[in-house]
């Protein structure tokens, strides 16, 4: 099922961004160091989720994930930080998503 990898990647992006944001919040926004506990758990969930991708090469799974992460980061910027993406953000995102689709959906011989 081609949809499953995208769902896993979306969940992984949410987990990675949330985990990284916890450190940002502590160091840049003065939040309590206790924010690092759910952040660390979130990063562990991110790493576990990527192991669910059916790929013989970890590098390929990570490369395809990269664009989904970028989409998540742009979405986070817009929804959580109230910074609307500009044309260049969206153009770059479109290029990344196209590249990810090529990596993820290319017919390969085992």
N, C-alpha and C. Protein backbone atom coordinates (compact mmCIF):
# COMPACT_ATOMS: atom_id res chain seq x y z
N UNK A 1 0.85 -1.17 0.00
CA UNK A 1 0.00 0.00 0.00
C UNK A 1 0.89 1.24 0.00
N UNK A 2 0.78 2.08 -1.02
CA UNK A 2 1.63 3.25 -1.17
C UNK A 2 1.31 4.34 -0.16
N UNK A 3 0.13 4.31 0.42
CA UNK A 3 -0.27 5.35 1.37
C UNK A 3 0.42 5.20 2.73
N UNK A 4 0.70 3.97 3.14
CA UNK A 4 1.28 3.72 4.46
C UNK A 4 2.61 4.46 4.69
N UNK A 5 3.55 4.44 3.73
CA UNK A 5 4.79 5.17 3.99
C UNK A 5 4.55 6.67 4.24
N UNK A 6 3.62 7.26 3.51
CA UNK A 6 3.37 8.68 3.71
C UNK A 6 2.80 8.95 5.09
N UNK A 7 1.92 8.08 5.56
CA UNK A 7 1.37 8.24 6.90
C UNK A 7 2.47 8.10 7.96
N UNK A 8 3.33 7.10 7.79
CA UNK A 8 4.44 6.92 8.72
C UNK A 8 5.35 8.14 8.69
N UNK A 9 5.66 8.64 7.51
CA UNK A 9 6.52 9.81 7.39
C UNK A 9 5.88 11.05 8.03
N UNK A 10 4.59 11.22 7.86
CA UNK A 10 3.90 12.37 8.47
C UNK A 10 3.98 12.27 10.00
N UNK A 11 3.71 11.10 10.53
CA UNK A 11 3.80 10.91 11.99
C UNK A 11 5.24 11.11 12.47
N UNK A 12 6.21 10.62 11.70
CA UNK A 12 7.62 10.81 12.06
C UNK A 12 7.99 12.29 12.06
N UNK A 13 7.50 13.03 11.09
CA UNK A 13 7.80 14.47 11.03
C UNK A 13 7.23 15.19 12.23
N UNK A 14 6.00 14.86 12.59
CA UNK A 14 5.40 15.50 13.77
C UNK A 14 6.22 15.18 15.02
N UNK A 15 6.62 13.92 15.15
CA UNK A 15 7.40 13.52 16.32
C UNK A 15 8.77 14.21 16.34
N UNK A 16 9.42 14.29 15.19
CA UNK A 16 10.75 14.91 15.15
C UNK A 16 10.66 16.41 15.42
N UNK A 17 9.73 17.07 14.79
CA UNK A 17 9.60 18.52 14.98
C UNK A 17 9.24 18.83 16.43
N UNK A 18 8.32 18.08 17.00
CA UNK A 18 7.95 18.30 18.41
C UNK A 18 9.14 18.07 19.33
N UNK A 19 9.90 17.03 19.07
CA UNK A 19 11.07 16.74 19.90
C UNK A 19 12.13 17.82 19.79
N UNK A 20 12.40 18.25 18.58
CA UNK A 20 13.39 19.32 18.40
C UNK A 20 12.89 20.64 18.97
N UNK A 21 11.59 20.88 18.83
CA UNK A 21 11.03 22.13 19.36
C UNK A 21 11.16 22.20 20.88
N UNK A 22 11.13 21.06 21.54
CA UNK A 22 11.26 21.09 23.01
C UNK A 22 12.62 21.69 23.41
N UNK A 23 13.68 21.33 22.70
CA UNK A 23 14.99 21.90 23.00
C UNK A 23 15.01 23.39 22.65
N UNK A 24 14.41 23.74 21.52
CA UNK A 24 14.30 25.15 21.11
C UNK A 24 13.59 25.95 22.21
N UNK A 25 12.49 25.38 22.72
CA UNK A 25 11.70 26.07 23.74
C UNK A 25 12.50 26.28 25.02
N UNK A 26 13.30 25.29 25.39
CA UNK A 26 14.12 25.41 26.60
C UNK A 26 15.23 26.45 26.40
N UNK A 27 15.96 26.34 25.29
CA UNK A 27 17.12 27.19 25.09
C UNK A 27 16.79 28.59 24.58
N UNK A 28 15.74 28.71 23.77
CA UNK A 28 15.44 30.01 23.15
C UNK A 28 14.26 30.73 23.79
N UNK A 29 13.35 29.98 24.38
CA UNK A 29 12.13 30.59 24.91
C UNK A 29 12.06 30.57 26.43
N UNK A 30 13.09 30.00 27.06
CA UNK A 30 13.16 29.99 28.52
C UNK A 30 12.18 29.05 29.20
N UNK A 31 11.73 28.02 28.49
CA UNK A 31 10.82 27.04 29.09
C UNK A 31 11.58 26.14 30.06
N UNK A 32 10.83 25.47 30.91
CA UNK A 32 11.40 24.56 31.90
C UNK A 32 12.16 23.42 31.22
N UNK A 33 13.29 23.01 31.82
CA UNK A 33 14.00 21.83 31.29
C UNK A 33 13.15 20.57 31.28
N UNK A 34 12.05 20.55 32.01
CA UNK A 34 11.16 19.39 31.98
C UNK A 34 10.56 19.18 30.59
N UNK A 35 10.57 20.22 29.76
CA UNK A 35 10.11 20.07 28.38
C UNK A 35 10.96 19.05 27.62
N UNK A 36 12.18 18.81 28.09
CA UNK A 36 13.08 17.89 27.40
C UNK A 36 12.65 16.43 27.55
N UNK A 37 11.89 16.12 28.58
CA UNK A 37 11.46 14.73 28.78
C UNK A 37 10.50 14.29 27.67
N UNK A 38 9.39 14.99 27.44
CA UNK A 38 8.54 14.58 26.32
C UNK A 38 9.24 14.78 24.98
N UNK A 39 10.16 15.75 24.92
CA UNK A 39 10.91 15.95 23.69
C UNK A 39 11.77 14.74 23.35
N UNK A 40 12.45 14.18 24.34
CA UNK A 40 13.28 12.99 24.12
C UNK A 40 12.42 11.79 23.73
N UNK A 41 11.28 11.64 24.38
CA UNK A 41 10.37 10.54 24.02
C UNK A 41 9.86 10.72 22.59
N UNK A 42 9.59 11.94 22.22
CA UNK A 42 9.12 12.22 20.87
C UNK A 42 10.19 11.88 19.84
N UNK A 43 11.44 12.19 20.14
CA UNK A 43 12.52 11.85 19.21
C UNK A 43 12.72 10.34 19.11
N UNK A 44 12.52 9.63 20.21
CA UNK A 44 12.58 8.16 20.16
C UNK A 44 11.45 7.61 19.28
N UNK A 45 10.26 8.19 19.41
CA UNK A 45 9.13 7.77 18.57
C UNK A 45 9.44 8.04 17.10
N UNK A 46 10.05 9.17 16.81
CA UNK A 46 10.45 9.50 15.45
C UNK A 46 11.37 8.42 14.86
N UNK A 47 12.40 8.07 15.61
CA UNK A 47 13.35 7.07 15.12
C UNK A 47 12.68 5.71 14.93
N UNK A 48 11.82 5.33 15.86
CA UNK A 48 11.10 4.06 15.74
C UNK A 48 10.19 4.07 14.51
N UNK A 49 9.49 5.17 14.28
CA UNK A 49 8.59 5.25 13.13
C UNK A 49 9.33 5.03 11.82
N UNK A 50 10.54 5.59 11.71
CA UNK A 50 11.28 5.40 10.46
C UNK A 50 11.66 3.94 10.22
N UNK A 51 11.75 3.14 11.29
CA UNK A 51 12.05 1.71 11.09
C UNK A 51 10.86 0.98 10.50
N UNK A 52 9.69 1.58 10.48
CA UNK A 52 8.50 0.94 9.91
C UNK A 52 8.45 1.05 8.39
N UNK A 53 9.34 1.84 7.81
CA UNK A 53 9.37 1.99 6.35
C UNK A 53 9.98 0.73 5.74
N UNK A 54 9.29 0.19 4.77
CA UNK A 54 9.76 -1.02 4.10
C UNK A 54 10.80 -0.64 3.04
N UNK A 55 12.05 -0.67 3.45
CA UNK A 55 13.15 -0.32 2.54
C UNK A 55 14.36 -1.14 2.93
N UNK A 56 15.07 -1.68 1.94
CA UNK A 56 16.28 -2.43 2.26
C UNK A 56 17.45 -1.51 2.65
N UNK A 57 17.29 -0.22 2.41
CA UNK A 57 18.37 0.73 2.71
C UNK A 57 17.84 1.86 3.59
N UNK A 58 18.43 1.99 4.76
CA UNK A 58 18.02 3.06 5.68
C UNK A 58 18.19 4.43 5.02
N UNK A 59 19.27 4.62 4.30
CA UNK A 59 19.53 5.91 3.65
C UNK A 59 18.41 6.31 2.70
N UNK A 60 17.86 5.35 1.98
CA UNK A 60 16.76 5.66 1.06
C UNK A 60 15.52 6.06 1.84
N UNK A 61 15.24 5.35 2.91
CA UNK A 61 14.08 5.70 3.73
C UNK A 61 14.25 7.09 4.32
N UNK A 62 15.46 7.43 4.77
CA UNK A 62 15.71 8.74 5.35
C UNK A 62 15.65 9.83 4.28
N UNK A 63 16.18 9.54 3.10
CA UNK A 63 16.16 10.53 2.01
C UNK A 63 14.73 10.86 1.59
N UNK A 64 13.91 9.85 1.45
CA UNK A 64 12.52 10.08 1.08
C UNK A 64 11.79 10.84 2.18
N UNK A 65 12.14 10.59 3.42
CA UNK A 65 11.52 11.27 4.56
C UNK A 65 11.85 12.76 4.58
N UNK A 66 13.01 13.14 4.07
CA UNK A 66 13.46 14.52 4.16
C UNK A 66 12.43 15.54 3.70
N UNK A 67 11.77 15.29 2.59
CA UNK A 67 10.78 16.24 2.08
C UNK A 67 9.55 16.30 2.97
N UNK A 68 9.19 15.17 3.55
CA UNK A 68 8.04 15.17 4.45
C UNK A 68 8.38 16.00 5.69
N UNK A 69 9.61 15.90 6.14
CA UNK A 69 10.05 16.72 7.27
C UNK A 69 9.96 18.21 6.90
N UNK A 70 10.41 18.56 5.72
CA UNK A 70 10.37 19.95 5.29
C UNK A 70 8.92 20.44 5.24
N UNK A 71 8.01 19.61 4.73
CA UNK A 71 6.59 19.97 4.70
C UNK A 71 6.07 20.19 6.12
N UNK A 72 6.46 19.31 7.02
CA UNK A 72 6.04 19.45 8.41
C UNK A 72 6.59 20.71 9.05
N UNK A 73 7.84 21.03 8.74
CA UNK A 73 8.46 22.23 9.29
C UNK A 73 7.78 23.50 8.78
N UNK A 74 7.45 23.52 7.50
CA UNK A 74 6.73 24.67 6.93
C UNK A 74 5.33 24.77 7.56
N UNK A 75 4.67 23.62 7.72
CA UNK A 75 3.36 23.62 8.38
C UNK A 75 3.46 24.08 9.83
N UNK A 76 4.49 23.64 10.54
CA UNK A 76 4.70 24.06 11.93
C UNK A 76 4.90 25.58 11.98
N UNK A 77 5.73 26.09 11.08
CA UNK A 77 5.99 27.52 11.03
C UNK A 77 4.69 28.30 10.86
N UNK A 78 3.83 27.79 9.98
CA UNK A 78 2.59 28.48 9.67
C UNK A 78 1.57 28.34 10.81
N UNK A 79 1.35 27.11 11.28
CA UNK A 79 0.30 26.87 12.27
C UNK A 79 0.70 27.24 13.70
N UNK A 80 1.92 26.90 14.08
CA UNK A 80 2.33 27.08 15.47
C UNK A 80 3.03 28.42 15.72
N UNK A 81 3.80 28.86 14.72
CA UNK A 81 4.55 30.09 14.91
C UNK A 81 3.91 31.29 14.20
N UNK A 82 2.79 31.04 13.54
CA UNK A 82 2.01 32.10 12.87
C UNK A 82 2.82 32.88 11.83
N UNK A 83 3.76 32.18 11.18
CA UNK A 83 4.55 32.77 10.10
C UNK A 83 4.11 32.13 8.78
N UNK A 84 3.40 32.88 7.98
CA UNK A 84 2.87 32.33 6.73
C UNK A 84 4.01 32.06 5.74
N UNK A 85 4.03 30.88 5.13
CA UNK A 85 5.08 30.58 4.14
C UNK A 85 4.92 31.50 2.92
N UNK A 86 6.05 31.90 2.35
CA UNK A 86 6.00 32.72 1.15
C UNK A 86 6.14 31.84 -0.10
N UNK A 87 6.15 32.47 -1.24
CA UNK A 87 6.23 31.75 -2.51
C UNK A 87 7.47 30.87 -2.57
N UNK A 88 8.59 31.36 -2.05
CA UNK A 88 9.84 30.60 -2.11
C UNK A 88 9.81 29.39 -1.19
N UNK A 89 9.17 29.55 -0.03
CA UNK A 89 9.00 28.39 0.86
C UNK A 89 8.20 27.30 0.14
N UNK A 90 7.11 27.71 -0.50
CA UNK A 90 6.23 26.73 -1.15
C UNK A 90 6.86 26.13 -2.40
N UNK A 91 7.61 26.94 -3.16
CA UNK A 91 8.29 26.41 -4.35
C UNK A 91 9.36 25.39 -3.94
N UNK A 92 10.13 25.72 -2.93
CA UNK A 92 11.15 24.78 -2.45
C UNK A 92 10.54 23.51 -1.92
N UNK A 93 9.42 23.65 -1.21
CA UNK A 93 8.71 22.48 -0.69
C UNK A 93 8.22 21.59 -1.82
N UNK A 94 7.66 22.20 -2.87
CA UNK A 94 7.16 21.41 -4.01
C UNK A 94 8.29 20.62 -4.66
N UNK A 95 9.45 21.24 -4.81
CA UNK A 95 10.60 20.53 -5.38
C UNK A 95 11.02 19.35 -4.49
N UNK A 96 11.04 19.58 -3.20
CA UNK A 96 11.42 18.51 -2.27
C UNK A 96 10.42 17.36 -2.30
N UNK A 97 9.13 17.69 -2.33
CA UNK A 97 8.11 16.63 -2.36
C UNK A 97 8.20 15.82 -3.65
N UNK A 98 8.48 16.49 -4.75
CA UNK A 98 8.64 15.76 -6.02
C UNK A 98 9.83 14.80 -5.93
N UNK A 99 10.93 15.27 -5.37
CA UNK A 99 12.11 14.41 -5.21
C UNK A 99 11.83 13.23 -4.29
N UNK A 100 11.12 13.49 -3.21
CA UNK A 100 10.77 12.42 -2.29
C UNK A 100 9.89 11.37 -2.97
N UNK A 101 8.95 11.83 -3.76
CA UNK A 101 8.06 10.89 -4.47
C UNK A 101 8.86 10.02 -5.43
N UNK A 102 9.84 10.59 -6.11
CA UNK A 102 10.67 9.81 -7.03
C UNK A 102 11.42 8.73 -6.26
N UNK A 103 12.02 9.10 -5.13
CA UNK A 103 12.78 8.15 -4.33
C UNK A 103 11.87 7.05 -3.79
N UNK A 104 10.72 7.46 -3.26
CA UNK A 104 9.83 6.52 -2.58
C UNK A 104 9.07 5.61 -3.54
N UNK A 105 8.63 6.14 -4.66
CA UNK A 105 7.73 5.40 -5.54
C UNK A 105 8.39 4.81 -6.79
N UNK A 106 9.68 5.01 -6.96
CA UNK A 106 10.36 4.48 -8.15
C UNK A 106 10.28 2.96 -8.18
N UNK A 107 10.04 2.41 -9.38
CA UNK A 107 10.04 0.94 -9.47
C UNK A 107 11.48 0.43 -9.33
N UNK A 108 11.66 -0.51 -8.43
CA UNK A 108 12.99 -1.05 -8.20
C UNK A 108 12.93 -2.58 -8.31
N UNK A 109 14.02 -3.13 -8.76
CA UNK A 109 14.13 -4.58 -8.84
C UNK A 109 14.92 -5.05 -7.63
N UNK A 110 14.42 -6.05 -6.96
CA UNK A 110 15.10 -6.54 -5.74
C UNK A 110 16.35 -7.27 -6.05
